[in-house]
Amino acid sequence: MSAQEERRRLRILALWDEARATGIEMTEFCRDYSERHGAESRGKLTTKMLRRFASWRDMRGARKRETE
């Protein structure tokens, strides 16, 4: 994965964490994100993609903890 793609995923996840803290549902977040950033983010953000990004972040964090 490129550094640019990694930054994109982390940016989306940061926005998702903020939205989730205010009570926004995943489907609603994906729809709103796609409407605002659709062209720049390589198409529509789906709940499946968002779940995959969150899983990637969790695995990435686990690997970092193992190496510490």
C-alpha atoms as a PDB file:
ATOM      1  CA  MET A   1       0.000   0.000   0.000  1.00  0.00           C
ATOM      2  CA  SER A   2       1.290   3.438  -0.867  1.00  0.00           C
ATOM      3  CA  ALA A   3       1.875   6.092   1.756  1.00  0.00           C
ATOM      4  CA  GLN A   4      -0.772   8.220   0.043  1.00  0.00           C
ATOM      5  CA  GLU A   5      -3.379   5.439   0.349  1.00  0.00           C
ATOM      6  CA  GLU A   6      -2.435   4.892   3.994  1.00  0.00           C
ATOM      7  CA  ARG A   7      -2.908   8.604   4.758  1.00  0.00           C
ATOM      8  CA  ARG A   8      -6.274   8.539   2.954  1.00  0.00           C
ATOM      9  CA  ARG A   9      -7.473   5.591   5.019  1.00  0.00           C
ATOM     10  CA  LEU A  10      -6.328   7.171   8.271  1.00  0.00           C
ATOM     11  CA  ARG A  11      -8.033  10.457   7.337  1.00  0.00           C
ATOM     12  CA  ILE A  12     -11.318   8.649   6.603  1.00  0.00           C
ATOM     13  CA  LEU A  13     -11.073   6.682   9.851  1.00  0.00           C
ATOM     14  CA  ALA A  14     -10.418   9.852  11.861  1.00  0.00           C
ATOM     15  CA  LEU A  15     -13.555  11.403  10.365  1.00  0.00           C
ATOM     16  CA  TRP A  16     -15.484   8.192  11.089  1.00  0.00           C
ATOM     17  CA  ASP A  17     -14.329   8.183  14.732  1.00  0.00           C
ATOM     18  CA  GLU A  18     -15.555  11.776  15.150  1.00  0.00           C
ATOM     19  CA  ALA A  19     -18.879  11.003  13.477  1.00  0.00           C
ATOM     20  CA  ARG A  20     -19.395   7.829  15.493  1.00  0.00           C
ATOM     21  CA  ALA A  21     -18.792   9.760  18.720  1.00  0.00           C
ATOM     22  CA  THR A  22     -21.707  12.034  17.802  1.00  0.00           C
ATOM     23  CA  GLY A  23     -24.008   9.091  17.109  1.00  0.00           C
ATOM     24  CA  ILE A  24     -23.910   8.972  13.308  1.00  0.00           C
ATOM     25  CA  GLU A  25     -24.566   5.550  11.753  1.00  0.00           C
ATOM     26  CA  MET A  26     -22.016   3.967   9.404  1.00  0.00           C
ATOM     27  CA  THR A  27     -24.383   3.999   6.409  1.00  0.00           C
ATOM     28  CA  GLU A  28     -25.174   7.675   6.908  1.00  0.00           C
ATOM     29  CA  PHE A  29     -21.472   8.530   7.280  1.00  0.00           C
ATOM     30  CA  CYS A  30     -20.569   6.687   4.070  1.00  0.00           C
ATOM     31  CA  ARG A  31     -23.337   8.421   2.134  1.00  0.00           C
ATOM     32  CA  ASP A  32     -22.333  11.867   3.421  1.00  0.00           C
ATOM     33  CA  TYR A  33     -18.633  11.223   2.809  1.00  0.00           C
ATOM     34  CA  SER A  34     -19.296  10.046  -0.736  1.00  0.00           C
ATOM     35  CA  GLU A  35     -21.385  13.131  -1.481  1.00  0.00           C
ATOM     36  CA  ARG A  36     -18.677  15.460  -0.195  1.00  0.00           C
ATOM     37  CA  HIS A  37     -15.522  13.669  -1.334  1.00  0.00           C
ATOM     38  CA  GLY A  38     -16.670  11.234  -4.019  1.00  0.00           C
ATOM     39  CA  ALA A  39     -14.572  12.548  -6.900  1.00  0.00           C
ATOM     40  CA  GLU A  40     -11.371  12.939  -4.897  1.00  0.00           C
ATOM     41  CA  SER A  41     -11.667   9.631  -3.043  1.00  0.00           C
ATOM     42  CA  ARG A  42     -11.781   7.338  -6.064  1.00  0.00           C
ATOM     43  CA  GLY A  43     -15.497   6.766  -5.998  1.00  0.00           C
ATOM     44  CA  LYS A  44     -18.135   5.896  -3.488  1.00  0.00           C
ATOM     45  CA  LEU A  45     -17.224   4.950   0.091  1.00  0.00           C
ATOM     46  CA  THR A  46     -19.193   1.865   1.107  1.00  0.00           C
ATOM     47  CA  THR A  47     -19.782   0.391   4.546  1.00  0.00           C
ATOM     48  CA  LYS A  48     -17.827  -2.668   3.403  1.00  0.00           C
ATOM     49  CA  MET A  49     -14.809  -0.487   2.580  1.00  0.00           C
ATOM     50  CA  LEU A  50     -15.088   1.393   5.873  1.00  0.00           C
ATOM     51  CA  ARG A  51     -15.201  -1.899   7.816  1.00  0.00           C
ATOM     52  CA  ARG A  52     -12.149  -3.106   5.883  1.00  0.00           C
ATOM     53  CA  PHE A  53     -10.277   0.120   6.702  1.00  0.00           C
ATOM     54  CA  ALA A  54     -11.141  -0.244  10.405  1.00  0.00           C
ATOM     55  CA  SER A  55      -9.975  -3.861  10.380  1.00  0.00           C
ATOM     56  CA  TRP A  56      -6.740  -2.800   8.665  1.00  0.00           C
ATOM     57  CA  ARG A  57      -6.173  -0.137  11.352  1.00  0.00           C
ATOM     58  CA  ASP A  58      -6.766  -2.665  14.143  1.00  0.00           C
ATOM     59  CA  MET A  59      -4.347  -5.178  12.599  1.00  0.00           C
ATOM     60  CA  ARG A  60      -1.790  -2.426  12.009  1.00  0.00           C
ATOM     61  CA  GLY A  61      -2.018  -1.388  15.671  1.00  0.00           C
ATOM     62  CA  ALA A  62      -1.675  -4.995  16.841  1.00  0.00           C
ATOM     63  CA  ARG A  63       1.477  -5.459  14.752  1.00  0.00           C
ATOM     64  CA  LYS A  64       2.984  -2.275  16.175  1.00  0.00           C
ATOM     65  CA  ARG A  65       2.283  -3.477  19.732  1.00  0.00           C
ATOM     66  CA  GLU A  66       3.934  -6.841  18.983  1.00  0.00           C
ATOM     67  CA  THR A  67       7.140  -5.179  17.817  1.00  0.00           C
ATOM     68  CA  GLU A  68       7.420  -2.889  20.844  1.00  0.00           C
END
